[in-house]
Amino acid sequence: MNSTVIWQAAAHLLAYPDERFWRRLPLIRDAAEPHFGAFLARATDLGPGELAAHYVETFDLHRRCCLHLTHYTDDDTRRRGRSLAALRQRYHAAGWELMDDELPDFLPVMLEFAALDPAGATVLKEHRQELELLLTALSDRDSPYAYVIGAVCAALPPITADELLQATCPTQGSQDGPPPPEMVGVDS
């Protein structure tokens, strides 16, 4: 199956499970069932209320499960602002404009960009380590969303041993610790 179909389906599946989410599920079943069957089954078993509660608890209340990928490397530092600006500039260079309320590092936005523009695949590859960290965190929580991230990762080139080691033992970021130190105004 074409990776763009997987990325577009994943973008929809990682959106908040509101009424539109449930209306789109039959289309996603038809287009990408083999890749998302396990997620679709668990989502259906949970139903709208439980899946919505799980979404909020998982993605809004647990730092290790953040869908804003620059948090894994930049946390809430000034460096994150530069990372967001660089992503926004890449989207703009491809003729893509974000809505005012969208951040460019929000994974569903990145996936939609990858599905619609060849430059988007490069953006996902550059954030492969963050995707692996997210996959690990979701798997540890036994979240059905781990199936979605797993399918996204499977549609990317295989991760190298060094990348996997960096993803599982990050030296930067703040999944469980304090944010990296700011170096603004510090003389070296």
Protein backbone atom coordinates (compact mmCIF):
# COMPACT_ATOMS: atom_id res chain seq x y z
CA MET A 1 0.00 0.00 0.00
CA ASN A 2 1.13 3.51 -0.75
CA SER A 3 2.61 5.25 2.30
CA THR A 4 0.66 8.42 1.50
CA VAL A 5 -2.62 6.56 2.15
CA ILE A 6 -1.24 5.33 5.48
CA TRP A 7 -0.12 8.81 6.48
CA GLN A 8 -3.45 10.42 5.50
CA ALA A 9 -5.40 7.76 7.41
CA ALA A 10 -3.12 8.14 10.43
CA ALA A 11 -3.62 11.92 10.38
CA HIS A 12 -7.36 11.36 10.71
CA LEU A 13 -7.01 8.64 13.35
CA LEU A 14 -4.78 10.85 15.52
CA ALA A 15 -7.30 13.69 15.51
CA TYR A 16 -9.56 14.09 18.53
CA PRO A 17 -12.31 11.44 18.22
CA ASP A 18 -15.28 13.73 17.70
CA GLU A 19 -18.30 13.10 15.45
CA ARG A 20 -16.25 13.70 12.28
CA PHE A 21 -13.75 11.07 13.43
CA TRP A 22 -16.49 8.44 13.72
CA ARG A 23 -18.03 9.42 10.36
CA ARG A 24 -14.63 8.95 8.63
CA LEU A 25 -13.94 5.49 10.06
CA PRO A 26 -15.74 3.55 7.29
CA LEU A 27 -13.64 5.36 4.67
CA ILE A 28 -10.46 4.55 6.56
CA ARG A 29 -11.57 0.92 6.91
CA ASP A 30 -12.03 0.73 3.14
CA ALA A 31 -8.73 2.44 2.32
CA ALA A 32 -6.32 1.16 4.97
CA GLU A 33 -7.90 -1.66 7.02
CA PRO A 34 -4.85 -3.96 6.95
CA HIS A 35 -2.67 -1.29 8.57
CA PHE A 36 -5.14 -0.02 11.14
CA GLY A 37 -7.40 -3.02 11.82
CA ALA A 38 -6.20 -3.49 15.41
CA PHE A 39 -6.73 0.20 16.20
CA LEU A 40 -10.15 0.27 14.53
CA ALA A 41 -11.27 -2.79 16.50
CA ARG A 42 -10.15 -1.31 19.84
CA ALA A 43 -11.65 2.09 19.00
CA THR A 44 -14.98 0.46 18.17
CA ASP A 45 -14.86 -1.59 21.40
CA LEU A 46 -14.18 1.53 23.46
CA GLY A 47 -16.86 3.61 21.75
CA PRO A 48 -17.01 7.39 21.40
CA GLY A 49 -17.04 8.38 25.08
CA GLU A 50 -14.28 6.07 26.28
CA LEU A 51 -12.05 6.72 23.27
CA ALA A 52 -12.40 10.49 23.75
CA ALA A 53 -11.51 10.16 27.44
CA HIS A 54 -8.54 7.94 26.56
CA TYR A 55 -7.37 10.45 23.94
CA VAL A 56 -7.41 13.34 26.42
CA GLU A 57 -5.76 11.33 29.19
CA THR A 58 -3.09 9.98 26.87
CA PHE A 59 -2.16 12.95 24.71
CA ASP A 60 -3.03 15.89 26.96
CA LEU A 61 -1.98 14.63 30.38
CA HIS A 62 1.16 12.55 29.71
CA ARG A 63 4.29 14.35 28.52
CA ARG A 64 5.77 11.18 27.04
CA CYS A 65 2.74 10.84 24.74
CA CYS A 66 2.82 14.31 23.23
CA LEU A 67 1.66 14.69 19.61
CA HIS A 68 3.75 17.88 19.27
CA LEU A 69 7.00 16.26 18.19
CA THR A 70 9.37 19.14 18.95
CA HIS A 71 8.57 18.68 22.65
CA TYR A 72 10.74 15.56 22.59
CA THR A 73 13.84 17.49 21.58
CA ASP A 74 13.14 21.08 22.58
CA ASP A 75 10.52 20.90 25.35
CA ASP A 76 9.19 24.39 26.17
CA THR A 77 12.44 26.23 25.49
CA ARG A 78 13.21 29.03 23.09
CA ARG A 79 14.82 26.44 20.86
CA ARG A 80 11.33 25.03 20.26
CA GLY A 81 10.26 28.36 18.78
CA ARG A 82 13.06 28.12 16.24
CA SER A 83 12.10 24.53 15.44
CA LEU A 84 8.45 25.54 14.92
CA ALA A 85 9.46 28.47 12.72
CA ALA A 86 11.69 26.22 10.61
CA LEU A 87 8.85 23.72 10.12
CA ARG A 88 6.40 26.49 9.24
CA GLN A 89 8.91 27.82 6.70
CA ARG A 90 9.22 24.36 5.10
CA TYR A 91 5.44 24.12 4.77
CA HIS A 92 5.31 27.61 3.30
CA ALA A 93 8.08 26.76 0.78
CA ALA A 94 5.93 23.84 -0.40
CA GLY A 95 2.92 26.15 -0.83
CA TRP A 96 1.24 24.93 2.31
CA GLU A 97 -0.34 27.36 4.77
CA LEU A 98 -1.39 26.31 8.26
CA MET A 99 -4.52 27.48 9.99
CA ASP A 100 -3.85 30.10 12.66
CA ASP A 101 -4.57 27.63 15.47
CA GLU A 102 -2.34 24.83 14.10
CA LEU A 103 1.21 24.25 15.26
CA PRO A 104 3.50 22.82 12.59
CA ASP A 105 4.88 20.07 14.86
CA PHE A 106 1.43 18.57 15.60
CA LEU A 107 1.75 15.03 14.25
CA PRO A 108 -1.59 14.96 12.37
CA VAL A 109 -0.50 18.15 10.53
CA MET A 110 2.88 16.60 9.71
CA LEU A 111 1.21 13.41 8.48
CA GLU A 112 -1.23 15.29 6.28
CA PHE A 113 1.66 17.27 4.81
CA ALA A 114 3.55 14.01 4.14
CA ALA A 115 0.48 12.54 2.45
CA LEU A 116 0.02 15.55 0.18
CA ASP A 117 3.56 16.71 -0.58
CA PRO A 118 6.76 14.73 -1.26
CA ALA A 119 8.70 17.08 1.05
CA GLY A 120 6.57 15.81 3.92
CA ALA A 121 8.15 12.37 3.86
CA THR A 122 11.49 14.01 4.61
CA VAL A 123 9.94 15.87 7.55
CA LEU A 124 8.65 12.59 8.99
CA LYS A 125 12.03 10.91 8.47
CA GLU A 126 13.74 13.76 10.31
CA HIS A 127 11.40 13.17 13.27
CA ARG A 128 11.75 9.39 13.26
CA GLN A 129 13.38 9.30 16.69
CA GLU A 130 10.52 11.29 18.19
CA LEU A 131 8.04 8.92 16.55
CA GLU A 132 9.87 5.97 18.12
CA LEU A 133 9.74 7.64 21.55
CA LEU A 134 6.01 8.22 21.11
CA LEU A 135 5.50 4.61 19.98
CA THR A 136 7.35 3.31 23.03
CA ALA A 137 5.34 5.52 25.40
CA LEU A 138 2.03 4.50 23.83
CA SER A 139 3.01 0.82 23.88
CA ASP A 140 3.97 1.09 27.56
CA ARG A 141 0.48 2.48 28.25
CA ASP A 142 -1.17 -0.25 26.12
CA SER A 143 -2.84 2.51 24.13
CA PRO A 144 -4.65 1.61 20.91
CA TYR A 145 -2.90 4.63 19.39
CA ALA A 146 0.34 2.61 19.45
CA TYR A 147 -1.07 0.73 16.43
CA VAL A 148 -1.43 4.00 14.52
CA ILE A 149 2.11 5.19 15.30
CA GLY A 150 3.42 1.71 14.53
CA ALA A 151 1.87 1.85 11.07
CA VAL A 152 3.37 5.31 10.49
CA CYS A 153 6.83 4.06 11.49
CA ALA A 154 6.44 0.95 9.32
CA ALA A 155 5.76 3.20 6.31
CA LEU A 156 9.10 4.96 6.83
CA PRO A 157 12.51 3.56 5.96
CA PRO A 158 13.83 1.24 8.68
CA ILE A 159 15.40 2.94 11.65
CA THR A 160 19.12 2.41 12.11
CA ALA A 161 20.57 0.89 15.28
CA ASP A 162 22.10 4.25 16.24
CA GLU A 163 18.79 6.07 15.73
CA LEU A 164 16.96 3.45 17.77
CA LEU A 165 19.51 3.78 20.59
CA GLN A 166 19.11 7.57 20.55
CA ALA A 167 15.34 7.22 20.56
CA THR A 168 15.29 4.86 23.52
CA CYS A 169 18.04 6.69 25.47
CA PRO A 170 17.67 10.35 24.52
CA THR A 171 20.37 12.70 25.70
CA GLN A 172 18.23 15.79 25.08
CA GLY A 173 14.61 16.45 25.80
CA SER A 174 12.55 16.00 28.91
CA GLN A 175 10.34 12.95 28.74
CA ASP A 176 10.85 12.28 32.44
CA GLY A 177 13.24 14.98 33.61
CA PRO A 178 13.66 18.72 33.60
CA PRO A 179 13.86 20.64 30.33
CA PRO A 180 17.28 21.18 28.78
CA PRO A 181 19.05 24.24 30.19
CA GLU A 182 18.62 27.56 28.44
CA MET A 183 21.87 29.13 27.32
CA VAL A 184 20.45 32.59 26.68
CA GLY A 185 22.60 35.32 28.21
CA VAL A 186 25.24 32.90 29.48
CA ASP A 187 28.81 33.83 28.63
CA SER A 188 30.92 30.95 27.38
